[in-house]
């Protein structure tokens, strides 16, 4: 398939580059825990998971031929109130 920009009347809604940026599916979850062992101190942990797939099918590819990726992220924090 020739890769060219979409033009009015060519039957495509998006150019291949624009369609590759559209989400086909997007799933995510975040868990946060905050603990205060003593009154002026807060300790926190956070974990996030995200899965994303692009809508490559709009450019003529098969439904599952788009790009996909996963993200795992962990963070920690400590806050001391004085």
Foldseek 3Di string as FASTA:
>chain_A
DDQDADDPPPPAPGGQVVQLPAWPDKDKDKDKDWDDPDVQKIKMKMKMKMKTWTQNVSVPDDRRPHDIDMDIDMDIDMGGHD
